[in-house]
Amino acid sequence: MARYWFKTHKKGIVWYPVSWQGWVVVLAYLSGLIYYFIKVDKTSHSASDTMVGMFIPFFILSASLIIITYLKAETPKKS
């Protein structure tokens, strides 16, 4: 039996961390978002500049989180 990092919620395809590895992945994701937000915000002149500058880092970090979660989580349950 494989040890999952994330489990599926009872209602749908929402995953949540259940091991320390899962929590590290989630904290790394949040830390990355905060880091890039601060980095982009220092050079931005307006809120729209910040939003545009955060698009690529947000997309890459979120895609990475989804891929890791998909690979290390149990399969979603059919209702």
N, C-alpha and C. Protein backbone atom coordinates (compact mmCIF):
# COMPACT_ATOMS: atom_id res chain seq x y z
N MET A 1 0.84 -1.19 0.00
CA MET A 1 0.00 0.00 0.00
C MET A 1 0.88 1.25 0.00
N ALA A 2 0.62 2.13 -0.93
CA ALA A 2 1.39 3.36 -1.03
C ALA A 2 0.96 4.36 0.04
N ARG A 3 1.92 5.08 0.55
CA ARG A 3 1.61 6.13 1.53
C ARG A 3 1.36 7.42 0.76
N TYR A 4 0.16 7.93 0.88
CA TYR A 4 -0.22 9.14 0.16
C TYR A 4 0.20 10.39 0.91
N TRP A 5 0.55 11.42 0.14
CA TRP A 5 0.85 12.72 0.73
C TRP A 5 -0.41 13.55 0.86
N PHE A 6 -1.40 13.26 0.02
CA PHE A 6 -2.67 13.99 0.00
C PHE A 6 -3.80 12.98 -0.06
N LYS A 7 -4.91 13.32 0.56
CA LYS A 7 -6.11 12.49 0.50
C LYS A 7 -7.21 13.29 -0.18
N THR A 8 -8.18 12.55 -0.68
CA THR A 8 -9.32 13.16 -1.36
C THR A 8 -10.42 13.46 -0.36
N HIS A 9 -11.01 14.63 -0.48
CA HIS A 9 -12.15 14.99 0.37
C HIS A 9 -13.35 14.15 -0.03
N LYS A 10 -14.27 13.96 0.88
CA LYS A 10 -15.44 13.11 0.64
C LYS A 10 -16.29 13.60 -0.53
N LYS A 11 -16.37 14.92 -0.70
CA LYS A 11 -17.25 15.48 -1.73
C LYS A 11 -16.43 16.13 -2.84
N GLY A 12 -16.02 15.34 -3.81
CA GLY A 12 -15.37 15.93 -4.97
C GLY A 12 -13.90 15.62 -5.10
N ILE A 13 -13.22 16.46 -5.86
CA ILE A 13 -11.82 16.22 -6.15
C ILE A 13 -10.92 17.23 -5.44
N VAL A 14 -11.25 17.56 -4.23
CA VAL A 14 -10.43 18.46 -3.43
C VAL A 14 -9.46 17.61 -2.62
N TRP A 15 -8.17 17.93 -2.71
CA TRP A 15 -7.16 17.19 -1.96
C TRP A 15 -6.66 18.03 -0.80
N TYR A 16 -6.27 17.36 0.28
CA TYR A 16 -5.69 18.04 1.43
C TYR A 16 -4.49 17.22 1.92
N PRO A 17 -3.47 17.89 2.48
CA PRO A 17 -2.27 17.17 2.91
C PRO A 17 -2.52 16.32 4.14
N VAL A 18 -1.92 15.12 4.15
CA VAL A 18 -2.07 14.22 5.30
C VAL A 18 -0.73 13.73 5.83
N SER A 19 0.37 14.13 5.20
CA SER A 19 1.69 13.73 5.68
C SER A 19 2.58 14.97 5.72
N TRP A 20 3.74 14.80 6.35
CA TRP A 20 4.64 15.96 6.44
C TRP A 20 5.13 16.36 5.05
N GLN A 21 5.26 15.42 4.13
CA GLN A 21 5.69 15.75 2.78
C GLN A 21 4.64 16.62 2.07
N GLY A 22 3.39 16.30 2.28
CA GLY A 22 2.31 17.10 1.71
C GLY A 22 2.30 18.52 2.25
N TRP A 23 2.52 18.64 3.56
CA TRP A 23 2.56 19.97 4.17
C TRP A 23 3.77 20.76 3.67
N VAL A 24 4.90 20.10 3.45
CA VAL A 24 6.07 20.79 2.92
C VAL A 24 5.78 21.32 1.51
N VAL A 25 5.11 20.52 0.70
CA VAL A 25 4.76 20.96 -0.65
C VAL A 25 3.84 22.18 -0.60
N VAL A 26 2.83 22.15 0.25
CA VAL A 26 1.89 23.27 0.37
C VAL A 26 2.60 24.52 0.89
N LEU A 27 3.45 24.36 1.91
CA LEU A 27 4.19 25.51 2.44
C LEU A 27 5.19 26.07 1.44
N ALA A 28 5.82 25.20 0.65
CA ALA A 28 6.73 25.68 -0.40
C ALA A 28 5.96 26.46 -1.46
N TYR A 29 4.78 25.99 -1.80
CA TYR A 29 3.93 26.70 -2.76
C TYR A 29 3.57 28.10 -2.24
N LEU A 30 3.09 28.17 -1.00
CA LEU A 30 2.73 29.46 -0.43
C LEU A 30 3.93 30.38 -0.28
N SER A 31 5.07 29.82 0.14
CA SER A 31 6.29 30.62 0.26
C SER A 31 6.73 31.16 -1.09
N GLY A 32 6.62 30.34 -2.13
CA GLY A 32 6.96 30.79 -3.48
C GLY A 32 6.07 31.93 -3.94
N LEU A 33 4.77 31.82 -3.67
CA LEU A 33 3.85 32.89 -4.04
C LEU A 33 4.19 34.19 -3.32
N ILE A 34 4.46 34.10 -2.03
CA ILE A 34 4.79 35.29 -1.25
C ILE A 34 6.10 35.90 -1.73
N TYR A 35 7.11 35.05 -1.98
CA TYR A 35 8.41 35.53 -2.45
C TYR A 35 8.26 36.29 -3.78
N TYR A 36 7.59 35.67 -4.75
CA TYR A 36 7.45 36.32 -6.05
C TYR A 36 6.56 37.55 -5.98
N PHE A 37 5.57 37.55 -5.11
CA PHE A 37 4.74 38.75 -4.97
C PHE A 37 5.58 39.92 -4.47
N ILE A 38 6.39 39.68 -3.45
CA ILE A 38 7.24 40.75 -2.91
C ILE A 38 8.24 41.21 -3.97
N LYS A 39 8.84 40.27 -4.68
CA LYS A 39 9.82 40.59 -5.72
C LYS A 39 9.19 41.42 -6.84
N VAL A 40 8.02 41.01 -7.31
CA VAL A 40 7.34 41.72 -8.39
C VAL A 40 6.82 43.07 -7.91
N ASP A 41 6.31 43.12 -6.70
CA ASP A 41 5.72 44.35 -6.17
C ASP A 41 6.76 45.46 -5.99
N LYS A 42 8.01 45.09 -5.72
CA LYS A 42 9.06 46.10 -5.55
C LYS A 42 9.32 46.88 -6.83
N THR A 43 9.16 46.23 -7.97
CA THR A 43 9.45 46.89 -9.25
C THR A 43 8.20 47.37 -9.97
N SER A 44 7.03 47.11 -9.43
CA SER A 44 5.78 47.51 -10.08
C SER A 44 5.42 48.94 -9.71
N HIS A 45 4.70 49.56 -10.65
CA HIS A 45 4.26 50.93 -10.42
C HIS A 45 2.78 51.02 -10.11
N SER A 46 2.06 49.94 -10.31
CA SER A 46 0.63 49.94 -10.02
C SER A 46 0.17 48.52 -9.71
N ALA A 47 -1.06 48.43 -9.29
CA ALA A 47 -1.62 47.11 -8.97
C ALA A 47 -1.72 46.24 -10.22
N SER A 48 -2.03 46.86 -11.34
CA SER A 48 -2.14 46.06 -12.57
C SER A 48 -0.77 45.54 -13.01
N ASP A 49 0.30 46.30 -12.79
CA ASP A 49 1.65 45.81 -13.07
C ASP A 49 1.98 44.59 -12.21
N THR A 50 1.57 44.64 -10.95
CA THR A 50 1.81 43.53 -10.05
C THR A 50 1.04 42.29 -10.51
N MET A 51 -0.20 42.48 -10.90
CA MET A 51 -1.02 41.35 -11.35
C MET A 51 -0.42 40.72 -12.62
N VAL A 52 0.00 41.54 -13.56
CA VAL A 52 0.59 41.03 -14.79
C VAL A 52 1.92 40.33 -14.49
N GLY A 53 2.70 40.90 -13.61
CA GLY A 53 3.99 40.31 -13.25
C GLY A 53 3.86 39.01 -12.48
N MET A 54 2.76 38.82 -11.80
CA MET A 54 2.55 37.60 -11.01
C MET A 54 1.93 36.47 -11.84
N PHE A 55 1.51 36.75 -13.06
CA PHE A 55 0.80 35.73 -13.84
C PHE A 55 1.67 34.49 -14.09
N ILE A 56 2.86 34.68 -14.60
CA ILE A 56 3.73 33.54 -14.93
C ILE A 56 4.15 32.78 -13.67
N PRO A 57 4.67 33.45 -12.62
CA PRO A 57 5.02 32.69 -11.41
C PRO A 57 3.83 31.95 -10.80
N PHE A 58 2.67 32.59 -10.79
CA PHE A 58 1.47 31.94 -10.25
C PHE A 58 1.12 30.70 -11.07
N PHE A 59 1.17 30.83 -12.39
CA PHE A 59 0.84 29.71 -13.26
C PHE A 59 1.81 28.55 -13.06
N ILE A 60 3.11 28.83 -13.02
CA ILE A 60 4.12 27.78 -12.87
C ILE A 60 4.02 27.11 -11.50
N LEU A 61 3.90 27.90 -10.44
CA LEU A 61 3.80 27.33 -9.09
C LEU A 61 2.51 26.51 -8.93
N SER A 62 1.41 27.01 -9.45
CA SER A 62 0.13 26.30 -9.32
C SER A 62 0.14 25.02 -10.14
N ALA A 63 0.71 25.06 -11.34
CA ALA A 63 0.79 23.85 -12.15
C ALA A 63 1.67 22.81 -11.45
N SER A 64 2.77 23.25 -10.85
CA SER A 64 3.65 22.34 -10.13
C SER A 64 2.91 21.69 -8.95
N LEU A 65 2.16 22.50 -8.21
CA LEU A 65 1.40 21.97 -7.08
C LEU A 65 0.37 20.94 -7.54
N ILE A 66 -0.32 21.23 -8.62
CA ILE A 66 -1.34 20.30 -9.12
C ILE A 66 -0.70 18.99 -9.59
N ILE A 67 0.43 19.08 -10.28
CA ILE A 67 1.11 17.87 -10.77
C ILE A 67 1.60 17.02 -9.61
N ILE A 68 2.25 17.64 -8.63
CA ILE A 68 2.74 16.88 -7.47
C ILE A 68 1.58 16.26 -6.72
N THR A 69 0.53 17.02 -6.52
CA THR A 69 -0.64 16.50 -5.82
C THR A 69 -1.26 15.34 -6.58
N TYR A 70 -1.37 15.46 -7.87
CA TYR A 70 -1.95 14.38 -8.68
C TYR A 70 -1.11 13.12 -8.59
N LEU A 71 0.21 13.26 -8.59
CA LEU A 71 1.10 12.10 -8.55
C LEU A 71 1.16 11.46 -7.17
N LYS A 72 1.00 12.24 -6.11
CA LYS A 72 1.19 11.73 -4.75
C LYS A 72 -0.11 11.63 -3.95
N ALA A 73 -1.26 11.73 -4.60
CA ALA A 73 -2.55 11.67 -3.90
C ALA A 73 -3.30 10.40 -4.30
N GLU A 74 -4.25 10.04 -3.44
CA GLU A 74 -5.11 8.92 -3.79
C GLU A 74 -6.04 9.37 -4.91
N THR A 75 -6.56 8.42 -5.66
CA THR A 75 -7.45 8.76 -6.76
C THR A 75 -8.78 9.28 -6.23
N PRO A 76 -9.37 10.23 -6.92
CA PRO A 76 -10.67 10.77 -6.45
C PRO A 76 -11.72 9.67 -6.41
N LYS A 77 -12.58 9.75 -5.40
CA LYS A 77 -13.65 8.76 -5.25
C LYS A 77 -14.85 9.18 -6.08
N LYS A 78 -15.48 8.20 -6.70
CA LYS A 78 -16.68 8.49 -7.48
C LYS A 78 -17.86 8.50 -6.53
N SER A 79 -18.73 9.53 -6.69
CA SER A 79 -19.86 9.63 -5.79
C SER A 79 -21.07 8.94 -6.32
